[in-house]
Amino acid sequence: MVILMSEVAINVKLKGNTARLAKDIIKKGYSESKGELVRNSIIFYAMKLGLISPKTLHKEAMEKIKASGIKYTYEEIREQIEEVENE
């Protein structure tokens, strides 16, 4: 799948339970910001619809990590996985 780079500006107003859920997700640290929450939600929905695969997302994440020059040890990765599993 080829993803072309483009930009879309979105202004969304959430009310009621949806607004409370968004605030809780950010407060608990699952997303750092409202923008990140929207981006992650779109990606998750695209996966559910079969428009993008987890394998593709993993490949893109690995490419970004390599490009950043950050080196993770096996122990750091294992600790991060355990943290996510224990939430």
N, C-alpha and C. Protein backbone atom coordinates (compact mmCIF):
# COMPACT_ATOMS: atom_id res chain seq x y z
N MET A 1 0.84 -1.18 0.00
CA MET A 1 0.00 0.00 0.00
C MET A 1 0.89 1.24 0.00
N VAL A 2 0.63 2.17 -0.87
CA VAL A 2 1.38 3.41 -0.94
C VAL A 2 0.54 4.50 -0.29
N ILE A 3 1.13 5.18 0.67
CA ILE A 3 0.43 6.27 1.34
C ILE A 3 1.06 7.57 0.89
N LEU A 4 0.29 8.41 0.24
CA LEU A 4 0.78 9.69 -0.23
C LEU A 4 0.68 10.70 0.90
N MET A 5 1.71 11.51 1.04
CA MET A 5 1.72 12.52 2.08
C MET A 5 0.78 13.66 1.68
N SER A 6 -0.11 13.99 2.58
CA SER A 6 -0.99 15.11 2.37
C SER A 6 -1.34 15.69 3.73
N GLU A 7 -2.11 16.72 3.74
CA GLU A 7 -2.47 17.36 5.00
C GLU A 7 -3.95 17.68 5.00
N VAL A 8 -4.59 17.42 6.14
CA VAL A 8 -5.99 17.74 6.33
C VAL A 8 -6.12 18.44 7.67
N ALA A 9 -6.74 19.59 7.69
CA ALA A 9 -6.99 20.31 8.95
C ALA A 9 -8.39 19.95 9.43
N ILE A 10 -8.48 19.57 10.71
CA ILE A 10 -9.77 19.16 11.27
C ILE A 10 -10.02 19.95 12.56
N ASN A 11 -11.20 20.49 12.66
CA ASN A 11 -11.62 21.16 13.88
C ASN A 11 -12.83 20.39 14.40
N VAL A 12 -12.68 19.73 15.54
CA VAL A 12 -13.72 18.86 16.07
C VAL A 12 -14.12 19.32 17.46
N LYS A 13 -15.41 19.40 17.71
CA LYS A 13 -15.91 19.74 19.04
C LYS A 13 -16.60 18.49 19.60
N LEU A 14 -16.11 18.03 20.75
CA LEU A 14 -16.69 16.85 21.39
C LEU A 14 -17.52 17.28 22.59
N LYS A 15 -18.62 16.57 22.79
CA LYS A 15 -19.50 16.88 23.92
C LYS A 15 -19.86 15.60 24.66
N GLY A 16 -20.31 15.76 25.87
CA GLY A 16 -20.83 14.63 26.64
C GLY A 16 -19.82 13.54 26.91
N ASN A 17 -20.27 12.29 26.77
CA ASN A 17 -19.43 11.13 27.05
C ASN A 17 -18.18 11.07 26.18
N THR A 18 -18.32 11.49 24.93
CA THR A 18 -17.17 11.46 24.03
C THR A 18 -16.09 12.42 24.53
N ALA A 19 -16.49 13.59 24.98
CA ALA A 19 -15.53 14.56 25.53
C ALA A 19 -14.88 14.02 26.79
N ARG A 20 -15.67 13.39 27.65
CA ARG A 20 -15.12 12.80 28.89
C ARG A 20 -14.12 11.69 28.56
N LEU A 21 -14.46 10.84 27.61
CA LEU A 21 -13.54 9.78 27.20
C LEU A 21 -12.23 10.36 26.68
N ALA A 22 -12.31 11.37 25.83
CA ALA A 22 -11.11 11.99 25.28
C ALA A 22 -10.24 12.56 26.40
N LYS A 23 -10.84 13.25 27.36
CA LYS A 23 -10.09 13.82 28.49
C LYS A 23 -9.45 12.72 29.32
N ASP A 24 -10.18 11.62 29.56
CA ASP A 24 -9.64 10.51 30.35
C ASP A 24 -8.45 9.85 29.64
N ILE A 25 -8.57 9.66 28.33
CA ILE A 25 -7.50 9.03 27.56
C ILE A 25 -6.22 9.87 27.65
N ILE A 26 -6.37 11.17 27.55
CA ILE A 26 -5.21 12.06 27.63
C ILE A 26 -4.68 12.12 29.06
N LYS A 27 -5.57 12.23 30.03
CA LYS A 27 -5.16 12.30 31.44
C LYS A 27 -4.39 11.06 31.87
N LYS A 28 -4.81 9.89 31.38
CA LYS A 28 -4.15 8.64 31.74
C LYS A 28 -2.86 8.41 30.95
N GLY A 29 -2.58 9.29 30.00
CA GLY A 29 -1.33 9.21 29.25
C GLY A 29 -1.34 8.31 28.04
N TYR A 30 -2.53 7.84 27.63
CA TYR A 30 -2.59 6.99 26.44
C TYR A 30 -2.31 7.79 25.18
N SER A 31 -2.64 9.07 25.19
CA SER A 31 -2.29 10.02 24.13
C SER A 31 -1.76 11.27 24.80
N GLU A 32 -0.80 11.91 24.17
CA GLU A 32 -0.19 13.10 24.76
C GLU A 32 -1.02 14.36 24.52
N SER A 33 -1.85 14.34 23.48
CA SER A 33 -2.62 15.54 23.14
C SER A 33 -3.90 15.14 22.41
N LYS A 34 -4.77 16.12 22.23
CA LYS A 34 -6.01 15.88 21.49
C LYS A 34 -5.70 15.54 20.04
N GLY A 35 -4.73 16.23 19.47
CA GLY A 35 -4.36 15.96 18.08
C GLY A 35 -3.84 14.54 17.90
N GLU A 36 -2.98 14.12 18.84
CA GLU A 36 -2.46 12.75 18.77
C GLU A 36 -3.59 11.74 18.94
N LEU A 37 -4.53 12.03 19.80
CA LEU A 37 -5.67 11.14 20.02
C LEU A 37 -6.48 10.98 18.73
N VAL A 38 -6.72 12.06 18.03
CA VAL A 38 -7.47 11.99 16.76
C VAL A 38 -6.67 11.20 15.72
N ARG A 39 -5.37 11.49 15.61
CA ARG A 39 -4.54 10.76 14.64
C ARG A 39 -4.55 9.26 14.94
N ASN A 40 -4.35 8.90 16.22
CA ASN A 40 -4.33 7.49 16.60
C ASN A 40 -5.68 6.83 16.35
N SER A 41 -6.75 7.55 16.61
CA SER A 41 -8.09 7.00 16.38
C SER A 41 -8.34 6.71 14.91
N ILE A 42 -7.88 7.60 14.06
CA ILE A 42 -8.04 7.39 12.62
C ILE A 42 -7.25 6.16 12.17
N ILE A 43 -6.02 6.03 12.66
CA ILE A 43 -5.20 4.87 12.31
C ILE A 43 -5.85 3.58 12.81
N PHE A 44 -6.34 3.60 14.05
CA PHE A 44 -7.00 2.41 14.62
C PHE A 44 -8.23 2.04 13.79
N TYR A 45 -9.03 3.02 13.42
CA TYR A 45 -10.23 2.77 12.62
C TYR A 45 -9.86 2.22 11.25
N ALA A 46 -8.80 2.77 10.65
CA ALA A 46 -8.33 2.27 9.35
C ALA A 46 -7.90 0.81 9.46
N MET A 47 -7.27 0.44 10.59
CA MET A 47 -6.89 -0.97 10.79
C MET A 47 -8.14 -1.83 10.91
N LYS A 48 -9.12 -1.38 11.65
CA LYS A 48 -10.36 -2.14 11.82
C LYS A 48 -11.07 -2.35 10.49
N LEU A 49 -10.98 -1.37 9.60
CA LEU A 49 -11.61 -1.47 8.29
C LEU A 49 -10.77 -2.25 7.28
N GLY A 50 -9.55 -2.59 7.68
CA GLY A 50 -8.66 -3.32 6.79
C GLY A 50 -7.96 -2.44 5.77
N LEU A 51 -7.94 -1.13 6.01
CA LEU A 51 -7.29 -0.21 5.08
C LEU A 51 -5.79 -0.13 5.29
N ILE A 52 -5.32 -0.51 6.48
CA ILE A 52 -3.90 -0.53 6.79
C ILE A 52 -3.65 -1.69 7.74
N SER A 53 -2.54 -2.36 7.57
CA SER A 53 -2.25 -3.54 8.40
C SER A 53 -1.33 -3.19 9.56
N PRO A 54 -1.41 -3.94 10.65
CA PRO A 54 -0.48 -3.74 11.75
C PRO A 54 0.97 -3.91 11.29
N LYS A 55 1.20 -4.81 10.34
CA LYS A 55 2.55 -5.02 9.82
C LYS A 55 3.08 -3.75 9.15
N THR A 56 2.23 -3.07 8.40
CA THR A 56 2.62 -1.81 7.76
C THR A 56 2.94 -0.75 8.80
N LEU A 57 2.11 -0.66 9.84
CA LEU A 57 2.36 0.31 10.91
C LEU A 57 3.67 0.02 11.61
N HIS A 58 3.94 -1.26 11.86
CA HIS A 58 5.18 -1.63 12.52
C HIS A 58 6.38 -1.24 11.65
N LYS A 59 6.28 -1.50 10.37
CA LYS A 59 7.37 -1.16 9.45
C LYS A 59 7.62 0.35 9.46
N GLU A 60 6.56 1.15 9.42
CA GLU A 60 6.70 2.61 9.43
C GLU A 60 7.31 3.08 10.75
N ALA A 61 6.88 2.48 11.86
CA ALA A 61 7.43 2.85 13.17
C ALA A 61 8.92 2.52 13.24
N MET A 62 9.31 1.36 12.74
CA MET A 62 10.72 0.96 12.76
C MET A 62 11.56 1.91 11.89
N GLU A 63 11.02 2.33 10.76
CA GLU A 63 11.74 3.27 9.89
C GLU A 63 11.95 4.61 10.60
N LYS A 64 10.93 5.07 11.33
CA LYS A 64 11.06 6.34 12.07
C LYS A 64 12.08 6.22 13.19
N ILE A 65 12.07 5.08 13.88
CA ILE A 65 13.03 4.87 14.97
C ILE A 65 14.46 4.84 14.41
N LYS A 66 14.66 4.12 13.32
CA LYS A 66 16.00 4.06 12.71
C LYS A 66 16.45 5.44 12.25
N ALA A 67 15.54 6.21 11.65
CA ALA A 67 15.88 7.55 11.16
C ALA A 67 16.22 8.49 12.31
N SER A 68 15.64 8.26 13.48
CA SER A 68 15.89 9.14 14.63
C SER A 68 17.25 8.89 15.26
N GLY A 69 17.81 7.71 15.01
CA GLY A 69 19.11 7.38 15.59
C GLY A 69 19.02 6.85 17.01
N ILE A 70 17.82 6.73 17.55
CA ILE A 70 17.64 6.22 18.91
C ILE A 70 17.92 4.72 18.91
N LYS A 71 18.70 4.27 19.87
CA LYS A 71 19.01 2.86 20.01
C LYS A 71 18.38 2.34 21.30
N TYR A 72 17.52 1.34 21.20
CA TYR A 72 16.89 0.73 22.36
C TYR A 72 17.54 -0.62 22.65
N THR A 73 17.77 -0.88 23.93
CA THR A 73 18.28 -2.20 24.30
C THR A 73 17.12 -3.17 24.40
N TYR A 74 17.44 -4.45 24.36
CA TYR A 74 16.41 -5.48 24.53
C TYR A 74 15.68 -5.26 25.85
N GLU A 75 16.40 -4.94 26.90
CA GLU A 75 15.81 -4.73 28.23
C GLU A 75 14.82 -3.56 28.22
N GLU A 76 15.17 -2.46 27.57
CA GLU A 76 14.26 -1.30 27.48
C GLU A 76 12.97 -1.67 26.76
N ILE A 77 13.10 -2.40 25.67
CA ILE A 77 11.92 -2.81 24.91
C ILE A 77 11.05 -3.74 25.76
N ARG A 78 11.68 -4.71 26.44
CA ARG A 78 10.95 -5.65 27.29
C ARG A 78 10.20 -4.91 28.40
N GLU A 79 10.84 -3.93 29.04
CA GLU A 79 10.20 -3.15 30.10
C GLU A 79 9.00 -2.37 29.56
N GLN A 80 9.14 -1.78 28.38
CA GLN A 80 8.03 -1.02 27.79
C GLN A 80 6.85 -1.93 27.47
N ILE A 81 7.13 -3.11 26.96
CA ILE A 81 6.06 -4.07 26.65
C ILE A 81 5.35 -4.48 27.93
N GLU A 82 6.12 -4.74 28.99
CA GLU A 82 5.51 -5.13 30.28
C GLU A 82 4.63 -4.02 30.83
N GLU A 83 5.07 -2.77 30.70
CA GLU A 83 4.27 -1.63 31.17
C GLU A 83 2.93 -1.57 30.45
N VAL A 84 2.96 -1.75 29.15
CA VAL A 84 1.73 -1.70 28.35
C VAL A 84 0.81 -2.87 28.74
N GLU A 85 1.39 -4.05 28.91
CA GLU A 85 0.58 -5.24 29.25
C GLU A 85 -0.04 -5.11 30.64
N ASN A 86 0.62 -4.39 31.54
CA ASN A 86 0.12 -4.27 32.92
C ASN A 86 -0.87 -3.13 33.11
N GLU A 87 -1.12 -2.33 32.08
CA GLU A 87 -2.06 -1.21 32.22
C GLU A 87 -3.49 -1.70 32.24
